[in-house]
Amino acid sequence: MTKTATVRARIEPGLKRDAEAVLSELGLSTSEAITLFLRQVTLRQGLPFPVQIPNEETRKAITEARDRIDLETYATVEEWSDEMRKL
């Protein structure tokens, strides 16, 4: 099938750059990735990943994290990793 339709979208330059770097590692162009996404939307009759409104507990956790309430911080990844292994 001949490709004649054009999709235009305005996105943040950093997002575009970061996404293109990942896609490049996968051997895909942005156009190929968009085509894959749209094919999945068509096949699934919806988004190819779950999209949900967060419940009250999740919204509270997001707000607390943004406000840095009871936020645990670690000086290094190793420190965090050691702490996680204790759980």
PDB file of N, CA and C in Angstrom:
ATOM      1  N   MET A   1       0.849  -1.171   0.000  1.00  0.00           N
ATOM      2  CA  MET A   1       0.000   0.000   0.000  1.00  0.00           C
ATOM      3  C   MET A   1       0.897   1.237   0.000  1.00  0.00           C
ATOM      4  N   THR A   2       0.566   2.205  -0.814  1.00  0.00           N
ATOM      5  CA  THR A   2       1.326   3.442  -0.892  1.00  0.00           C
ATOM      6  C   THR A   2       1.058   4.315   0.319  1.00  0.00           C
ATOM      7  N   LYS A   3       2.130   4.857   0.863  1.00  0.00           N
ATOM      8  CA  LYS A   3       1.992   5.731   2.034  1.00  0.00           C
ATOM      9  C   LYS A   3       1.874   7.167   1.541  1.00  0.00           C
ATOM     10  N   THR A   4       0.675   7.733   1.718  1.00  0.00           N
ATOM     11  CA  THR A   4       0.458   9.101   1.251  1.00  0.00           C
ATOM     12  C   THR A   4      -0.073  10.033   2.327  1.00  0.00           C
ATOM     13  N   ALA A   5      -0.480   9.503   3.471  1.00  0.00           N
ATOM     14  CA  ALA A   5      -1.015  10.338   4.541  1.00  0.00           C
ATOM     15  C   ALA A   5       0.128  10.855   5.409  1.00  0.00           C
ATOM     16  N   THR A   6      -0.047  12.042   5.945  1.00  0.00           N
ATOM     17  CA  THR A   6       0.959  12.652   6.801  1.00  0.00           C
ATOM     18  C   THR A   6       0.361  12.883   8.180  1.00  0.00           C
ATOM     19  N   VAL A   7       1.155  12.584   9.209  1.00  0.00           N
ATOM     20  CA  VAL A   7       0.759  12.848  10.591  1.00  0.00           C
ATOM     21  C   VAL A   7       1.697  13.923  11.119  1.00  0.00           C
ATOM     22  N   ARG A   8       1.129  14.978  11.686  1.00  0.00           N
ATOM     23  CA  ARG A   8       1.943  16.042  12.276  1.00  0.00           C
ATOM     24  C   ARG A   8       1.553  16.181  13.735  1.00  0.00           C
ATOM     25  N   ALA A   9       2.559  16.289  14.572  1.00  0.00           N
ATOM     26  CA  ALA A   9       2.291  16.443  16.000  1.00  0.00           C
ATOM     27  C   ALA A   9       3.347  17.354  16.606  1.00  0.00           C
ATOM     28  N   ARG A  10       2.934  18.194  17.531  1.00  0.00           N
ATOM     29  CA  ARG A  10       3.864  19.071  18.241  1.00  0.00           C
ATOM     30  C   ARG A  10       4.162  18.421  19.587  1.00  0.00           C
ATOM     31  N   ILE A  11       5.450  18.153  19.825  1.00  0.00           N
ATOM     32  CA  ILE A  11       5.862  17.534  21.081  1.00  0.00           C
ATOM     33  C   ILE A  11       7.092  18.258  21.611  1.00  0.00           C
ATOM     34  N   GLU A  12       7.398  18.002  22.872  1.00  0.00           N
ATOM     35  CA  GLU A  12       8.577  18.608  23.479  1.00  0.00           C
ATOM     36  C   GLU A  12       9.837  18.103  22.777  1.00  0.00           C
ATOM     37  N   PRO A  13      10.761  18.996  22.458  1.00  0.00           N
ATOM     38  CA  PRO A  13      11.987  18.579  21.763  1.00  0.00           C
ATOM     39  C   PRO A  13      12.768  17.493  22.506  1.00  0.00           C
ATOM     40  N   GLY A  14      12.832  17.603  23.835  1.00  0.00           N
ATOM     41  CA  GLY A  14      13.556  16.594  24.611  1.00  0.00           C
ATOM     42  C   GLY A  14      12.917  15.221  24.516  1.00  0.00           C
ATOM     43  N   LEU A  15      11.586  15.187  24.538  1.00  0.00           N
ATOM     44  CA  LEU A  15      10.865  13.925  24.410  1.00  0.00           C
ATOM     45  C   LEU A  15      11.152  13.296  23.051  1.00  0.00           C
ATOM     46  N   LYS A  16      11.109  14.112  22.018  1.00  0.00           N
ATOM     47  CA  LYS A  16      11.381  13.623  20.660  1.00  0.00           C
ATOM     48  C   LYS A  16      12.792  13.061  20.580  1.00  0.00           C
ATOM     49  N   ARG A  17      13.752  13.790  21.094  1.00  0.00           N
ATOM     50  CA  ARG A  17      15.159  13.365  21.056  1.00  0.00           C
ATOM     51  C   ARG A  17      15.343  12.049  21.810  1.00  0.00           C
ATOM     52  N   ASP A  18      14.789  11.975  23.022  1.00  0.00           N
ATOM     53  CA  ASP A  18      14.949  10.773  23.840  1.00  0.00           C
ATOM     54  C   ASP A  18      14.270   9.562  23.194  1.00  0.00           C
ATOM     55  N   ALA A  19      13.082   9.770  22.676  1.00  0.00           N
ATOM     56  CA  ALA A  19      12.353   8.674  22.030  1.00  0.00           C
ATOM     57  C   ALA A  19      13.078   8.204  20.775  1.00  0.00           C
ATOM     58  N   GLU A  20      13.587   9.132  19.989  1.00  0.00           N
ATOM     59  CA  GLU A  20      14.307   8.750  18.771  1.00  0.00           C
ATOM     60  C   GLU A  20      15.577   7.978  19.099  1.00  0.00           C
ATOM     61  N   ALA A  21      16.220   8.287  20.217  1.00  0.00           N
ATOM     62  CA  ALA A  21      17.412   7.543  20.630  1.00  0.00           C
ATOM     63  C   ALA A  21      17.047   6.090  20.941  1.00  0.00           C
ATOM     64  N   VAL A  22      15.932   5.895  21.658  1.00  0.00           N
ATOM     65  CA  VAL A  22      15.480   4.539  21.981  1.00  0.00           C
ATOM     66  C   VAL A  22      15.087   3.807  20.708  1.00  0.00           C
ATOM     67  N   LEU A  23      14.323   4.465  19.864  1.00  0.00           N
ATOM     68  CA  LEU A  23      13.879   3.836  18.620  1.00  0.00           C
ATOM     69  C   LEU A  23      15.065   3.451  17.743  1.00  0.00           C
ATOM     70  N   SER A  24      16.066   4.285  17.703  1.00  0.00           N
ATOM     71  CA  SER A  24      17.264   3.998  16.924  1.00  0.00           C
ATOM     72  C   SER A  24      17.926   2.714  17.424  1.00  0.00           C
ATOM     73  N   GLU A  25      17.985   2.558  18.746  1.00  0.00           N
ATOM     74  CA  GLU A  25      18.551   1.336  19.331  1.00  0.00           C
ATOM     75  C   GLU A  25      17.747   0.104  18.911  1.00  0.00           C
ATOM     76  N   LEU A  26      16.459   0.303  18.698  1.00  0.00           N
ATOM     77  CA  LEU A  26      15.583  -0.792  18.282  1.00  0.00           C
ATOM     78  C   LEU A  26      15.592  -0.993  16.764  1.00  0.00           C
ATOM     79  N   GLY A  27      16.279  -0.096  16.056  1.00  0.00           N
ATOM     80  CA  GLY A  27      16.322  -0.189  14.598  1.00  0.00           C
ATOM     81  C   GLY A  27      15.073   0.321  13.927  1.00  0.00           C
ATOM     82  N   LEU A  28      14.367   1.233  14.597  1.00  0.00           N
ATOM     83  CA  LEU A  28      13.118   1.783  14.056  1.00  0.00           C
ATOM     84  C   LEU A  28      13.234   3.281  13.833  1.00  0.00           C
ATOM     85  N   SER A  29      12.580   3.757  12.804  1.00  0.00           N
ATOM     86  CA  SER A  29      12.441   5.191  12.608  1.00  0.00           C
ATOM     87  C   SER A  29      11.201   5.654  13.364  1.00  0.00           C
ATOM     88  N   THR A  30      11.074   6.952  13.526  1.00  0.00           N
ATOM     89  CA  THR A  30       9.883   7.493  14.182  1.00  0.00           C
ATOM     90  C   THR A  30       8.631   7.126  13.385  1.00  0.00           C
ATOM     91  N   SER A  31       8.708   7.217  12.070  1.00  0.00           N
ATOM     92  CA  SER A  31       7.558   6.862  11.222  1.00  0.00           C
ATOM     93  C   SER A  31       7.166   5.406  11.400  1.00  0.00           C
ATOM     94  N   GLU A  32       8.165   4.513  11.478  1.00  0.00           N
ATOM     95  CA  GLU A  32       7.858   3.097  11.666  1.00  0.00           C
ATOM     96  C   GLU A  32       7.218   2.860  13.029  1.00  0.00           C
ATOM     97  N   ALA A  33       7.704   3.545  14.051  1.00  0.00           N
ATOM     98  CA  ALA A  33       7.141   3.388  15.392  1.00  0.00           C
ATOM     99  C   ALA A  33       5.700   3.889  15.440  1.00  0.00           C
ATOM    100  N   ILE A  34       5.434   5.004  14.794  1.00  0.00           N
ATOM    101  CA  ILE A  34       4.069   5.535  14.756  1.00  0.00           C
ATOM    102  C   ILE A  34       3.155   4.564  14.016  1.00  0.00           C
ATOM    103  N   THR A  35       3.652   4.003  12.926  1.00  0.00           N
ATOM    104  CA  THR A  35       2.869   3.018  12.177  1.00  0.00           C
ATOM    105  C   THR A  35       2.563   1.801  13.041  1.00  0.00           C
ATOM    106  N   LEU A  36       3.560   1.310  13.780  1.00  0.00           N
ATOM    107  CA  LEU A  36       3.330   0.177  14.689  1.00  0.00           C
ATOM    108  C   LEU A  36       2.266   0.521  15.727  1.00  0.00           C
ATOM    109  N   PHE A  37       2.379   1.706  16.309  1.00  0.00           N
ATOM    110  CA  PHE A  37       1.413   2.135  17.313  1.00  0.00           C
ATOM    111  C   PHE A  37       0.001   2.172  16.727  1.00  0.00           C
ATOM    112  N   LEU A  38      -0.149   2.803  15.566  1.00  0.00           N
ATOM    113  CA  LEU A  38      -1.476   2.928  14.961  1.00  0.00           C
ATOM    114  C   LEU A  38      -2.033   1.571  14.548  1.00  0.00           C
ATOM    115  N   ARG A  39      -1.182   0.653  14.102  1.00  0.00           N
ATOM    116  CA  ARG A  39      -1.656  -0.702  13.770  1.00  0.00           C
ATOM    117  C   ARG A  39      -2.175  -1.399  15.031  1.00  0.00           C
ATOM    118  N   GLN A  40      -1.482  -1.227  16.145  1.00  0.00           N
ATOM    119  CA  GLN A  40      -1.930  -1.836  17.395  1.00  0.00           C
ATOM    120  C   GLN A  40      -3.243  -1.217  17.874  1.00  0.00           C
ATOM    121  N   VAL A  41      -3.382   0.090  17.717  1.00  0.00           N
ATOM    122  CA  VAL A  41      -4.646   0.750  18.073  1.00  0.00           C
ATOM    123  C   VAL A  41      -5.788   0.137  17.257  1.00  0.00           C
ATOM    124  N   THR A  42      -5.546  -0.057  15.975  1.00  0.00           N
ATOM    125  CA  THR A  42      -6.563  -0.637  15.094  1.00  0.00           C
ATOM    126  C   THR A  42      -6.874  -2.076  15.482  1.00  0.00           C
ATOM    127  N   LEU A  43      -5.837  -2.883  15.705  1.00  0.00           N
ATOM    128  CA  LEU A  43      -6.048  -4.292  16.048  1.00  0.00           C
ATOM    129  C   LEU A  43      -6.759  -4.468  17.379  1.00  0.00           C
ATOM    130  N   ARG A  44      -6.404  -3.649  18.353  1.00  0.00           N
ATOM    131  CA  ARG A  44      -6.970  -3.787  19.689  1.00  0.00           C
ATOM    132  C   ARG A  44      -8.237  -2.962  19.899  1.00  0.00           C
ATOM    133  N   GLN A  45      -8.545  -2.109  18.915  1.00  0.00           N
ATOM    134  CA  GLN A  45      -9.697  -1.215  19.028  1.00  0.00           C
ATOM    135  C   GLN A  45      -9.567  -0.325  20.258  1.00  0.00           C
ATOM    136  N   GLY A  46      -8.367   0.132  20.507  1.00  0.00           N
ATOM    137  CA  GLY A  46      -8.087   1.000  21.648  1.00  0.00           C
ATOM    138  C   GLY A  46      -6.587   1.146  21.806  1.00  0.00           C
ATOM    139  N   LEU A  47      -6.181   1.782  22.865  1.00  0.00           N
ATOM    140  CA  LEU A  47      -4.758   1.950  23.119  1.00  0.00           C
ATOM    141  C   LEU A  47      -4.121   0.601  23.444  1.00  0.00           C
ATOM    142  N   PRO A  48      -2.889   0.386  23.000  1.00  0.00           N
ATOM    143  CA  PRO A  48      -2.239  -0.914  23.229  1.00  0.00           C
ATOM    144  C   PRO A  48      -1.583  -1.042  24.601  1.00  0.00           C
ATOM    145  N   PHE A  49      -2.032  -0.244  25.541  1.00  0.00           N
ATOM    146  CA  PHE A  49      -1.548  -0.305  26.920  1.00  0.00           C
ATOM    147  C   PHE A  49      -2.649   0.237  27.806  1.00  0.00           C
ATOM    148  N   PRO A  50      -2.658  -0.198  29.080  1.00  0.00           N
ATOM    149  CA  PRO A  50      -3.733   0.259  29.957  1.00  0.00           C
ATOM    150  C   PRO A  50      -3.603   1.743  30.313  1.00  0.00           C
ATOM    151  N   VAL A  51      -4.705   2.432  30.278  1.00  0.00           N
ATOM    152  CA  VAL A  51      -4.767   3.833  30.681  1.00  0.00           C
ATOM    153  C   VAL A  51      -5.909   3.941  31.682  1.00  0.00           C
ATOM    154  N   GLN A  52      -5.542   4.343  32.895  1.00  0.00           N
ATOM    155  CA  GLN A  52      -6.550   4.396  33.940  1.00  0.00           C
ATOM    156  C   GLN A  52      -6.391   5.669  34.744  1.00  0.00           C
ATOM    157  N   ILE A  53      -7.497   6.117  35.306  1.00  0.00           N
ATOM    158  CA  ILE A  53      -7.450   7.223  36.250  1.00  0.00           C
ATOM    159  C   ILE A  53      -6.991   6.640  37.568  1.00  0.00           C
ATOM    160  N   PRO A  54      -5.935   7.201  38.179  1.00  0.00           N
ATOM    161  CA  PRO A  54      -5.438   6.631  39.431  1.00  0.00           C
ATOM    162  C   PRO A  54      -6.497   6.661  40.528  1.00  0.00           C
ATOM    163  N   ASN A  55      -6.487   5.618  41.371  1.00  0.00           N
ATOM    164  CA  ASN A  55      -7.415   5.595  42.495  1.00  0.00           C
ATOM    165  C   ASN A  55      -6.942   6.584  43.564  1.00  0.00           C
ATOM    166  N   GLU A  56      -7.722   6.736  44.616  1.00  0.00           N
ATOM    167  CA  GLU A  56      -7.428   7.732  45.662  1.00  0.00           C
ATOM    168  C   GLU A  56      -6.063   7.489  46.306  1.00  0.00           C
ATOM    169  N   GLU A  57      -5.741   6.239  46.590  1.00  0.00           N
ATOM    170  CA  GLU A  57      -4.458   5.921  47.229  1.00  0.00           C
ATOM    171  C   GLU A  57      -3.281   6.309  46.331  1.00  0.00           C
ATOM    172  N   THR A  58      -3.391   6.018  45.055  1.00  0.00           N
ATOM    173  CA  THR A  58      -2.325   6.356  44.117  1.00  0.00           C
ATOM    174  C   THR A  58      -2.211   7.865  43.952  1.00  0.00           C
ATOM    175  N   ARG A  59      -3.356   8.569  43.850  1.00  0.00           N
ATOM    176  CA  ARG A  59      -3.320  10.037  43.738  1.00  0.00           C
ATOM    177  C   ARG A  59      -2.650  10.659  44.957  1.00  0.00           C
ATOM    178  N   LYS A  60      -2.945  10.120  46.142  1.00  0.00           N
ATOM    179  CA  LYS A  60      -2.334  10.620  47.370  1.00  0.00           C
ATOM    180  C   LYS A  60      -0.823  10.396  47.334  1.00  0.00           C
ATOM    181  N   ALA A  61      -0.390   9.206  46.905  1.00  0.00           N
ATOM    182  CA  ALA A  61       1.046   8.903  46.827  1.00  0.00           C
ATOM    183  C   ALA A  61       1.751   9.817  45.834  1.00  0.00           C
ATOM    184  N   ILE A  62       1.119  10.092  44.699  1.00  0.00           N
ATOM    185  CA  ILE A  62       1.700  10.993  43.698  1.00  0.00           C
ATOM    186  C   ILE A  62       1.850  12.392  44.277  1.00  0.00           C
ATOM    187  N   THR A  63       0.803  12.881  44.937  1.00  0.00           N
ATOM    188  CA  THR A  63       0.849  14.213  45.546  1.00  0.00           C
ATOM    189  C   THR A  63       1.941  14.289  46.597  1.00  0.00           C
ATOM    190  N   GLU A  64       2.026  13.270  47.451  1.00  0.00           N
ATOM    191  CA  GLU A  64       3.052  13.265  48.497  1.00  0.00           C
ATOM    192  C   GLU A  64       4.457  13.234  47.896  1.00  0.00           C
ATOM    193  N   ALA A  65       4.645  12.471  46.851  1.00  0.00           N
ATOM    194  CA  ALA A  65       5.960  12.409  46.204  1.00  0.00           C
ATOM    195  C   ALA A  65       6.322  13.756  45.588  1.00  0.00           C
ATOM    196  N   ARG A  66       5.350  14.388  44.923  1.00  0.00           N
ATOM    197  CA  ARG A  66       5.612  15.709  44.325  1.00  0.00           C
ATOM    198  C   ARG A  66       5.926  16.749  45.389  1.00  0.00           C
ATOM    199  N   ASP A  67       5.263  16.634  46.547  1.00  0.00           N
ATOM    200  CA  ASP A  67       5.490  17.573  47.645  1.00  0.00           C
ATOM    201  C   ASP A  67       6.634  17.132  48.559  1.00  0.00           C
ATOM    202  N   ARG A  68       7.260  16.007  48.210  1.00  0.00           N
ATOM    203  CA  ARG A  68       8.400  15.456  48.956  1.00  0.00           C
ATOM    204  C   ARG A  68       8.048  15.155  50.410  1.00  0.00           C
ATOM    205  N   ILE A  69       6.830  14.678  50.643  1.00  0.00           N
ATOM    206  CA  ILE A  69       6.362  14.300  51.982  1.00  0.00           C
ATOM    207  C   ILE A  69       6.774  12.850  52.229  1.00  0.00           C
ATOM    208  N   ASP A  70       7.472  12.614  53.348  1.00  0.00           N
ATOM    209  CA  ASP A  70       7.937  11.267  53.715  1.00  0.00           C
ATOM    210  C   ASP A  70       8.708  10.600  52.571  1.00  0.00           C
ATOM    211  N   LEU A  71       9.446  11.382  51.824  1.00  0.00           N
ATOM    212  CA  LEU A  71      10.194  10.869  50.686  1.00  0.00           C
ATOM    213  C   LEU A  71      11.537  10.332  51.161  1.00  0.00           C
ATOM    214  N   GLU A  72      11.816   9.076  50.846  1.00  0.00           N
ATOM    215  CA  GLU A  72      13.105   8.487  51.190  1.00  0.00           C
ATOM    216  C   GLU A  72      14.097   8.812  50.083  1.00  0.00           C
ATOM    217  N   THR A  73      15.284   9.236  50.474  1.00  0.00           N
ATOM    218  CA  THR A  73      16.326   9.524  49.482  1.00  0.00           C
ATOM    219  C   THR A  73      17.575   8.727  49.826  1.00  0.00           C
ATOM    220  N   TYR A  74      18.365   8.474  48.820  1.00  0.00           N
ATOM    221  CA  TYR A  74      19.589   7.706  48.970  1.00  0.00           C
ATOM    222  C   TYR A  74      20.717   8.432  48.243  1.00  0.00           C
ATOM    223  N   ALA A  75      21.905   8.353  48.804  1.00  0.00           N
ATOM    224  CA  ALA A  75      23.056   9.039  48.218  1.00  0.00           C
ATOM    225  C   ALA A  75      23.529   8.344  46.949  1.00  0.00           C
ATOM    226  N   THR A  76      23.369   7.033  46.898  1.00  0.00           N
ATOM    227  CA  THR A  76      23.835   6.273  45.734  1.00  0.00           C
ATOM    228  C   THR A  76      22.824   5.194  45.382  1.00  0.00           C
ATOM    229  N   VAL A  77      22.956   4.665  44.194  1.00  0.00           N
ATOM    230  CA  VAL A  77      22.111   3.554  43.766  1.00  0.00           C
ATOM    231  C   VAL A  77      22.419   2.323  44.620  1.00  0.00           C
ATOM    232  N   GLU A  78      23.685   2.152  44.958  1.00  0.00           N
ATOM    233  CA  GLU A  78      24.082   1.007  45.784  1.00  0.00           C
ATOM    234  C   GLU A  78      23.397   1.059  47.154  1.00  0.00           C
ATOM    235  N   GLU A  79      23.327   2.259  47.728  1.00  0.00           N
ATOM    236  CA  GLU A  79      22.654   2.435  49.021  1.00  0.00           C
ATOM    237  C   GLU A  79      21.183   2.044  48.906  1.00  0.00           C
ATOM    238  N   TRP A  80      20.535   2.500  47.847  1.00  0.00           N
ATOM    239  CA  TRP A  80      19.138   2.150  47.610  1.00  0.00           C
ATOM    240  C   TRP A  80      18.995   0.635  47.423  1.00  0.00           C
ATOM    241  N   SER A  81      19.897   0.047  46.615  1.00  0.00           N
ATOM    242  CA  SER A  81      19.847  -1.376  46.332  1.00  0.00           C
ATOM    243  C   SER A  81      20.004  -2.193  47.613  1.00  0.00           C
ATOM    244  N   ASP A  82      20.936  -1.802  48.466  1.00  0.00           N
ATOM    245  CA  ASP A  82      21.140  -2.495  49.735  1.00  0.00           C
ATOM    246  C   ASP A  82      19.857  -2.445  50.584  1.00  0.00           C
ATOM    247  N   GLU A  83      19.232  -1.284  50.611  1.00  0.00           N
ATOM    248  CA  GLU A  83      18.005  -1.118  51.390  1.00  0.00           C
ATOM    249  C   GLU A  83      16.869  -1.986  50.824  1.00  0.00           C
ATOM    250  N   MET A  84      16.768  -2.060  49.522  1.00  0.00           N
ATOM    251  CA  MET A  84      15.705  -2.847  48.883  1.00  0.00           C
ATOM    252  C   MET A  84      15.906  -4.338  49.137  1.00  0.00           C
ATOM    253  N   ARG A  85      17.144  -4.787  49.208  1.00  0.00           N
ATOM    254  CA  ARG A  85      17.416  -6.206  49.463  1.00  0.00           C
ATOM    255  C   ARG A  85      16.984  -6.619  50.868  1.00  0.00           C
ATOM    256  N   LYS A  86      16.906  -5.651  51.770  1.00  0.00           N
ATOM    257  CA  LYS A  86      16.487  -5.939  53.153  1.00  0.00           C
ATOM    258  C   LYS A  86      14.987  -6.223  53.258  1.00  0.00           C
ATOM    259  N   LEU A  87      14.233  -5.773  52.269  1.00  0.00           N
ATOM    260  CA  LEU A  87      12.769  -5.927  52.334  1.00  0.00           C
ATOM    261  C   LEU A  87      12.339  -7.360  52.126  1.00  0.00           C
TER     262      LEU A  87
END
